[in-house]
Amino acid sequence: MRLGNVWNLGVKEIWGLLRDPIMLVLIVYAFTVGVYSGGSAVPETLNKAPIAIVDEDRSPLSARIISAFYPPFFLPPEIITQDQMDARMDAGLDTFALNIPPEFQRDVLAGKNPAIQLNVDATRVSQAFTGSGYVQTIVTGEVRAFAERYRSNLTLPVEIAGRVRFNPELSKSYFAAVMQLINQVTMLSIILTGAALIRERERGTIEHLLVMPVTPLEVMTSKVAAMGLVVLLATGFSLVAVVAGLMAVPIQGSKWLFLGGTALHLFATTSMGIFLGMFARSMPQFGLLLMLILLPLQMLSGGSTPRESMPEWVQLVMLSAPTTHFVMLAQGILYRGAGLAIVWPQFFSLVVIGALFFGITLSRFRKTLGSMG
């Protein structure tokens, strides 16, 4: 392999990308607006959830419960009748509908442990799961305070001293921002290399390469290096300007070590992009293939759901995916401040996986160019 040919072909790839405004807009959007919106859109707490209350007791206790729901967690409660509850829920007007039964206060004071019905619109997923706990805590607290006539201050025999590490504020945006950046790195690296190959096939320029004194290894290396460099530079900018700057996410470890791991991850994903580009005959076909690949890589790599909660066979299969190891090293470096002594197994795994993907893709690429010649 001659480095001069790789350099010239790489420069050609960069110029081809610069002449594609759609791809440039996609890169800028993905590493700025995409990362910021994906990280900041995760709801931290319940906010202005609509709630309706059926007060069949009309007692001081029920009035106390109604007054406990107030902004910003909930909108002012709508007092409705039993007949209106299901209709309002069906119309999507209320996320929560609380039904306080008749003689509720009397049963509480008599120690009968009465039940309150809570209807939840589970289609509003984030509010439903978070808000159910809020409603239960509020109702339980008000009933206990009313029954005891004061805010109880129980002394528990065991005290748990919690210590939250790596994210003391339990901010979901800290986690979501980095995971969104990882998803953008994987997506853009596959798209850029695959689109570059399809673009050459559509324009007929790939036939020109067949008559030039260049080898398939030089052609493929130039595409991997050029597109990988573009994504790597965009990743560094997004990490510093968007994640650490605009979103104020504390970065605990070395940014350079993370970018080194990103480069190894790009070695594998750019090879995957060329591999998919050889099968797709057009960009629409490439987009369909991309969905089949990206969704498992993003959902099963440990970025969205902890790997320990997945079936064991899924965990085993996903060890062959570069995103699994990239998520591990990214969380270790950026969250926990891990050094190379801790994340070297992930670096080694990415080298092995990248070499396998590159070798398989190069073999297929040689056959493809040979059949065209």
Protein backbone atom coordinates (compact mmCIF):
# COMPACT_ATOMS: atom_id res chain seq x y z
CA MET A 1 0.00 0.00 0.00
CA ARG A 2 1.39 3.40 -1.04
CA LEU A 3 0.60 6.19 1.38
CA GLY A 4 0.70 8.76 -1.40
CA ASN A 5 -2.21 7.09 -3.15
CA VAL A 6 -4.13 6.83 0.13
CA TRP A 7 -3.57 10.55 0.77
CA ASN A 8 -4.74 11.60 -2.68
CA LEU A 9 -7.77 9.34 -2.56
CA GLY A 10 -8.58 10.59 0.94
CA VAL A 11 -8.44 14.21 -0.25
CA LYS A 12 -10.79 13.22 -3.08
CA GLU A 13 -13.24 11.78 -0.52
CA ILE A 14 -13.15 14.98 1.53
CA TRP A 15 -13.82 17.13 -1.55
CA GLY A 16 -16.66 14.84 -2.54
CA LEU A 17 -18.18 15.27 0.91
CA LEU A 18 -17.78 19.06 0.77
CA ARG A 19 -19.73 19.10 -2.49
CA ASP A 20 -22.66 17.28 -0.85
CA PRO A 21 -24.63 19.91 1.12
CA ILE A 22 -27.13 17.38 2.45
CA MET A 23 -24.41 15.35 4.13
CA LEU A 24 -22.79 18.49 5.54
CA VAL A 25 -26.09 19.61 7.05
CA LEU A 26 -26.60 16.12 8.49
CA ILE A 27 -23.17 16.16 10.15
CA VAL A 28 -23.66 19.62 11.66
CA TYR A 29 -27.18 18.83 12.84
CA ALA A 30 -26.29 15.42 14.32
CA PHE A 31 -23.38 16.65 16.42
CA THR A 32 -25.00 19.89 17.61
CA VAL A 33 -28.80 19.99 17.64
CA GLY A 34 -29.11 16.18 17.67
CA VAL A 35 -26.86 15.75 20.70
CA TYR A 36 -28.34 18.71 22.57
CA SER A 37 -31.97 17.81 21.95
CA GLY A 38 -31.39 14.14 22.71
CA GLY A 39 -29.68 14.97 25.99
CA SER A 40 -31.98 17.76 27.18
CA ALA A 41 -35.28 16.14 26.14
CA VAL A 42 -35.08 13.50 28.88
CA PRO A 43 -37.57 14.50 31.59
CA GLU A 44 -35.92 15.03 34.96
CA THR A 45 -39.07 15.27 37.09
CA LEU A 46 -42.81 15.38 36.67
CA ASN A 47 -43.91 18.69 35.18
CA LYS A 48 -47.47 20.06 34.85
CA ALA A 49 -49.19 16.68 34.65
CA PRO A 50 -52.99 16.99 34.22
CA ILE A 51 -54.94 15.34 37.04
CA ALA A 52 -58.67 15.03 37.77
CA ILE A 53 -60.21 14.06 41.11
CA VAL A 54 -63.58 12.51 41.87
CA ASP A 55 -64.40 13.57 45.43
CA GLU A 56 -67.23 11.35 46.63
CA ASP A 57 -66.35 11.91 50.28
CA ARG A 58 -66.34 15.72 50.41
CA SER A 59 -64.60 15.70 53.77
CA PRO A 60 -61.75 17.76 55.26
CA LEU A 61 -59.38 14.88 54.45
CA SER A 62 -60.39 14.75 50.78
CA ALA A 63 -60.07 18.54 50.56
CA ARG A 64 -56.59 18.26 52.05
CA ILE A 65 -55.60 15.66 49.45
CA ILE A 66 -56.93 17.82 46.61
CA SER A 67 -54.99 20.86 47.80
CA ALA A 68 -51.75 18.84 47.90
CA PHE A 69 -51.59 18.64 44.10
CA TYR A 70 -50.16 21.90 42.83
CA PRO A 71 -47.71 23.19 40.19
CA PRO A 72 -45.09 22.63 38.96
CA PHE A 73 -45.54 18.87 39.35
CA PHE A 74 -49.26 18.88 38.58
CA LEU A 75 -51.74 21.23 37.01
CA PRO A 76 -54.50 22.43 39.36
CA PRO A 77 -56.81 19.40 39.81
CA GLU A 78 -60.08 19.27 37.89
CA ILE A 79 -62.96 18.27 40.16
CA ILE A 80 -65.16 15.93 38.13
CA THR A 81 -67.90 13.37 38.64
CA GLN A 82 -67.69 9.60 38.41
CA ASP A 83 -69.44 9.65 35.01
CA GLN A 84 -66.92 12.11 33.57
CA MET A 85 -63.80 10.21 34.63
CA ASP A 86 -63.68 7.55 31.90
CA ALA A 87 -64.79 9.95 29.17
CA ARG A 88 -62.05 12.47 30.04
CA MET A 89 -59.45 9.71 30.18
CA ASP A 90 -60.56 8.39 26.78
CA ALA A 91 -60.32 11.89 25.33
CA GLY A 92 -56.77 12.29 26.60
CA LEU A 93 -57.62 15.22 28.86
CA ASP A 94 -56.18 13.71 32.04
CA THR A 95 -53.05 11.67 32.73
CA PHE A 96 -54.23 10.79 36.24
CA ALA A 97 -57.75 10.40 37.63
CA LEU A 98 -58.06 9.93 41.39
CA ASN A 99 -61.30 8.57 42.85
CA ILE A 100 -61.82 9.24 46.57
CA PRO A 101 -64.64 6.90 47.73
CA PRO A 102 -67.53 7.85 50.02
CA GLU A 103 -66.92 7.82 53.78
CA PHE A 104 -63.18 7.75 53.15
CA GLN A 105 -62.33 9.98 56.12
CA ARG A 106 -64.47 7.94 58.50
CA ASP A 107 -62.85 4.70 57.43
CA VAL A 108 -59.35 6.20 57.83
CA LEU A 109 -60.07 7.35 61.38
CA ALA A 110 -61.61 3.95 62.15
CA GLY A 111 -58.41 2.23 61.01
CA LYS A 112 -60.06 0.27 58.20
CA ASN A 113 -57.36 1.05 55.55
CA PRO A 114 -59.70 2.16 52.73
CA ALA A 115 -58.50 2.16 49.10
CA ILE A 116 -58.37 5.06 46.65
CA GLN A 117 -58.61 4.26 42.95
CA LEU A 118 -55.96 5.81 40.70
CA ASN A 119 -56.47 5.65 36.92
CA VAL A 120 -53.38 6.31 34.81
CA ASP A 121 -53.11 7.03 31.09
CA ALA A 122 -50.10 4.81 30.28
CA THR A 123 -49.80 6.19 26.74
CA ARG A 124 -48.05 9.19 28.30
CA VAL A 125 -45.17 6.99 29.30
CA SER A 126 -42.79 9.40 31.05
CA GLN A 127 -45.51 11.07 33.10
CA ALA A 128 -47.32 7.81 33.85
CA PHE A 129 -44.41 5.95 35.39
CA THR A 130 -42.97 8.92 37.26
CA GLY A 131 -46.28 10.44 38.32
CA SER A 132 -47.76 7.27 39.81
CA GLY A 133 -45.12 7.32 42.51
CA TYR A 134 -45.69 11.04 43.11
CA VAL A 135 -49.45 10.54 43.55
CA GLN A 136 -48.98 7.63 45.94
CA THR A 137 -46.46 9.56 48.04
CA ILE A 138 -48.65 12.65 48.23
CA VAL A 139 -51.82 10.77 49.19
CA THR A 140 -50.02 8.60 51.75
CA GLY A 141 -48.34 11.61 53.33
CA GLU A 142 -51.55 13.62 53.62
CA VAL A 143 -53.54 10.71 55.05
CA ARG A 144 -50.86 9.93 57.63
CA ALA A 145 -50.55 13.57 58.65
CA PHE A 146 -54.32 13.91 58.99
CA ALA A 147 -54.66 10.73 61.01
CA GLU A 148 -51.85 11.61 63.39
CA ARG A 149 -52.66 15.33 63.48
CA TYR A 150 -49.00 16.18 62.86
CA ARG A 151 -46.24 15.44 60.44
CA SER A 152 -44.75 12.27 61.84
CA ASN A 153 -41.02 12.24 62.43
CA LEU A 154 -40.22 8.57 62.81
CA THR A 155 -36.78 7.48 63.87
CA LEU A 156 -35.83 4.37 61.97
CA PRO A 157 -33.70 1.72 63.69
CA VAL A 158 -31.39 1.61 60.65
CA GLU A 159 -30.20 4.64 58.75
CA ILE A 160 -28.99 4.34 55.15
CA ALA A 161 -26.24 6.80 54.28
CA GLY A 162 -26.50 7.12 50.51
CA ARG A 163 -23.54 8.18 48.44
CA VAL A 164 -24.23 8.82 44.77
CA ARG A 165 -21.08 8.59 42.69
CA PHE A 166 -20.32 9.81 39.16
CA ASN A 167 -23.64 11.73 38.92
CA PRO A 168 -24.34 13.29 42.34
CA GLU A 169 -27.33 15.28 41.08
CA LEU A 170 -28.88 12.20 39.42
CA SER A 171 -29.31 14.27 36.28
CA LYS A 172 -30.62 12.20 33.39
CA SER A 173 -29.28 14.71 30.87
CA TYR A 174 -25.69 13.86 31.91
CA PHE A 175 -26.23 10.28 30.82
CA ALA A 176 -28.42 11.00 27.81
CA ALA A 177 -26.04 13.55 26.28
CA VAL A 178 -23.08 11.19 26.12
CA MET A 179 -25.21 8.27 24.92
CA GLN A 180 -26.66 10.47 22.19
CA LEU A 181 -23.14 11.43 21.12
CA ILE A 182 -22.21 7.74 20.91
CA ASN A 183 -25.27 7.03 18.76
CA GLN A 184 -24.39 9.89 16.40
CA VAL A 185 -20.81 8.63 16.03
CA THR A 186 -22.03 5.17 15.05
CA MET A 187 -24.74 6.42 12.71
CA LEU A 188 -22.71 9.05 10.87
CA SER A 189 -19.65 6.85 10.37
CA ILE A 190 -21.74 4.14 8.70
CA ILE A 191 -23.74 6.63 6.63
CA LEU A 192 -20.77 8.64 5.35
CA THR A 193 -18.71 5.67 4.16
CA GLY A 194 -21.66 3.82 2.68
CA ALA A 195 -22.95 6.94 0.95
CA ALA A 196 -19.48 7.70 -0.43
CA LEU A 197 -19.35 4.31 -2.14
CA ILE A 198 -22.91 4.56 -3.46
CA ARG A 199 -22.25 8.11 -4.68
CA GLU A 200 -19.25 6.91 -6.70
CA ARG A 201 -21.27 4.08 -8.18
CA GLU A 202 -24.13 6.41 -9.16
CA ARG A 203 -21.76 8.97 -10.71
CA GLY A 204 -19.66 6.34 -12.47
CA THR A 205 -16.42 7.46 -10.82
CA ILE A 206 -15.74 4.05 -9.30
CA GLU A 207 -15.01 2.74 -12.81
CA HIS A 208 -12.27 5.36 -13.07
CA LEU A 209 -10.54 3.79 -10.08
CA LEU A 210 -10.33 0.47 -11.93
CA VAL A 211 -8.02 1.94 -14.56
CA MET A 212 -5.84 3.79 -12.08
CA PRO A 213 -2.68 2.32 -10.51
CA VAL A 214 -4.37 1.92 -7.11
CA THR A 215 -5.23 -1.21 -5.16
CA PRO A 216 -8.53 -2.06 -3.44
CA LEU A 217 -6.70 -1.78 -0.11
CA GLU A 218 -5.69 1.79 -0.90
CA VAL A 219 -9.20 2.72 -2.03
CA MET A 220 -10.85 1.28 1.05
CA THR A 221 -8.26 2.67 3.46
CA SER A 222 -8.73 6.15 2.03
CA LYS A 223 -12.50 5.98 2.54
CA VAL A 224 -12.18 4.64 6.09
CA ALA A 225 -9.54 7.20 7.04
CA ALA A 226 -11.22 10.22 5.43
CA MET A 227 -14.73 9.63 6.75
CA GLY A 228 -13.42 8.46 10.10
CA LEU A 229 -11.42 11.68 10.43
CA VAL A 230 -14.48 13.81 9.68
CA VAL A 231 -16.56 12.03 12.32
CA LEU A 232 -13.69 12.13 14.82
CA LEU A 233 -13.27 15.90 14.46
CA ALA A 234 -17.04 16.40 14.77
CA THR A 235 -17.04 14.19 17.88
CA GLY A 236 -14.30 16.22 19.53
CA PHE A 237 -16.12 19.48 18.78
CA SER A 238 -19.43 18.15 20.07
CA LEU A 239 -17.87 16.75 23.24
CA VAL A 240 -16.19 20.06 24.12
CA ALA A 241 -18.68 22.62 22.80
CA VAL A 242 -22.04 20.90 23.24
CA VAL A 243 -21.74 18.22 25.93
CA ALA A 244 -19.21 19.83 28.27
CA GLY A 245 -19.88 23.44 27.24
CA LEU A 246 -23.52 24.09 26.39
CA MET A 247 -25.00 21.29 28.52
CA ALA A 248 -22.41 21.60 31.34
CA VAL A 249 -21.94 17.84 31.65
CA PRO A 250 -18.90 17.19 33.88
CA ILE A 251 -16.28 15.13 32.02
CA GLN A 252 -14.28 13.16 34.57
CA GLY A 253 -11.66 11.46 32.41
CA SER A 254 -9.29 12.24 29.56
CA LYS A 255 -10.94 13.57 26.42
CA TRP A 256 -7.95 12.43 24.38
CA LEU A 257 -8.27 8.88 25.66
CA PHE A 258 -11.95 8.90 24.74
CA LEU A 259 -11.14 10.18 21.24
CA GLY A 260 -8.56 7.40 20.90
CA GLY A 261 -11.27 4.86 21.68
CA THR A 262 -13.57 6.67 19.25
CA ALA A 263 -10.98 6.28 16.49
CA LEU A 264 -10.84 2.52 17.07
CA HIS A 265 -14.62 2.36 17.07
CA LEU A 266 -14.69 4.27 13.78
CA PHE A 267 -12.25 1.75 12.32
CA ALA A 268 -14.98 -0.88 12.65
CA THR A 269 -18.09 1.15 11.86
CA THR A 270 -16.67 2.77 8.72
CA SER A 271 -15.82 -0.71 7.46
CA MET A 272 -19.41 -1.71 8.17
CA GLY A 273 -20.59 1.27 6.14
CA ILE A 274 -18.56 0.21 3.10
CA PHE A 275 -19.80 -3.36 3.51
CA LEU A 276 -23.44 -2.21 3.48
CA GLY A 277 -22.73 0.16 0.58
CA MET A 278 -21.58 -2.76 -1.56
CA PHE A 279 -24.92 -4.52 -1.17
CA ALA A 280 -27.16 -1.47 -1.58
CA ARG A 281 -27.76 -0.29 -5.14
CA SER A 282 -29.21 3.08 -4.15
CA MET A 283 -29.48 5.37 -1.16
CA PRO A 284 -33.06 4.25 -0.33
CA GLN A 285 -31.88 0.64 -0.15
CA PHE A 286 -28.93 1.72 1.96
CA GLY A 287 -31.30 3.52 4.33
CA LEU A 288 -33.39 0.36 4.81
CA LEU A 289 -30.29 -1.73 5.51
CA LEU A 290 -29.11 0.94 7.92
CA MET A 291 -32.25 0.64 10.03
CA LEU A 292 -31.72 -3.11 10.40
CA ILE A 293 -28.19 -2.52 11.66
CA LEU A 294 -28.48 0.68 13.71
CA LEU A 295 -31.44 -0.24 15.91
CA PRO A 296 -29.83 -3.37 17.42
CA LEU A 297 -26.49 -1.56 17.79
CA GLN A 298 -28.10 1.30 19.70
CA MET A 299 -30.68 -0.60 21.75
CA LEU A 300 -28.62 -3.67 22.73
CA SER A 301 -25.17 -2.16 23.28
CA GLY A 302 -25.82 -1.11 26.88
CA GLY A 303 -26.36 2.56 26.14
CA SER A 304 -30.14 2.53 26.52
CA THR A 305 -30.58 -0.51 28.79
CA PRO A 306 -27.98 -2.10 31.08
CA ARG A 307 -26.58 -5.25 29.53
CA GLU A 308 -27.15 -7.16 32.78
CA SER A 309 -30.91 -6.87 32.30
CA MET A 310 -30.79 -8.49 28.86
CA PRO A 311 -30.99 -12.25 28.14
CA GLU A 312 -27.62 -13.95 28.39
CA TRP A 313 -27.59 -14.97 24.72
CA VAL A 314 -28.13 -11.33 23.70
CA GLN A 315 -25.24 -10.25 25.91
CA LEU A 316 -23.03 -12.90 24.31
CA VAL A 317 -23.99 -12.00 20.72
CA MET A 318 -23.55 -8.27 21.30
CA LEU A 319 -19.94 -8.79 22.38
CA SER A 320 -19.21 -9.02 18.66
CA ALA A 321 -20.60 -5.51 18.11
CA PRO A 322 -18.15 -2.58 18.41
CA THR A 323 -20.78 -0.35 20.02
CA THR A 324 -20.92 -2.61 23.10
CA HIS A 325 -17.25 -2.02 23.87
CA PHE A 326 -17.44 1.64 22.84
CA VAL A 327 -20.26 2.26 25.34
CA MET A 328 -18.24 0.54 28.07
CA LEU A 329 -15.13 2.62 27.51
CA ALA A 330 -17.08 5.85 27.03
CA GLN A 331 -18.91 5.40 30.33
CA GLY A 332 -15.69 4.38 32.07
CA ILE A 333 -13.67 7.33 30.81
CA LEU A 334 -16.21 10.16 30.70
CA TYR A 335 -18.24 9.26 33.82
CA ARG A 336 -15.83 7.45 36.12
CA GLY A 337 -12.52 8.96 35.00
CA ALA A 338 -11.04 5.58 34.08
CA GLY A 339 -7.57 5.40 32.61
CA LEU A 340 -6.04 3.09 30.03
CA ALA A 341 -5.20 0.54 32.75
CA ILE A 342 -8.95 -0.01 33.25
CA VAL A 343 -10.36 0.30 29.73
CA TRP A 344 -7.61 -1.51 27.83
CA PRO A 345 -9.80 -4.65 27.37
CA GLN A 346 -12.35 -2.54 25.48
CA PHE A 347 -9.57 -0.95 23.39
CA PHE A 348 -8.20 -4.40 22.55
CA SER A 349 -11.67 -5.70 21.68
CA LEU A 350 -12.24 -2.77 19.32
CA VAL A 351 -8.90 -3.45 17.60
CA VAL A 352 -9.83 -7.11 17.06
CA ILE A 353 -13.39 -6.39 15.93
CA GLY A 354 -12.24 -3.55 13.68
CA ALA A 355 -9.59 -5.75 12.07
CA LEU A 356 -12.15 -8.49 11.42
CA PHE A 357 -14.68 -6.08 9.92
CA PHE A 358 -11.99 -4.42 7.82
CA GLY A 359 -10.65 -7.76 6.57
CA ILE A 360 -14.08 -9.13 5.66
CA THR A 361 -15.09 -5.89 3.96
CA LEU A 362 -11.78 -5.68 2.05
CA SER A 363 -12.23 -9.23 0.75
CA ARG A 364 -15.75 -8.42 -0.42
CA PHE A 365 -14.60 -5.09 -1.85
CA ARG A 366 -11.92 -6.80 -3.95
CA LYS A 367 -14.46 -9.24 -5.36
CA THR A 368 -16.85 -6.40 -6.13
CA LEU A 369 -14.22 -4.35 -7.97
CA GLY A 370 -13.00 -7.49 -9.76
CA SER A 371 -16.48 -8.31 -11.04
CA MET A 372 -16.90 -4.72 -12.26
CA GLY A 373 -13.58 -4.81 -14.07
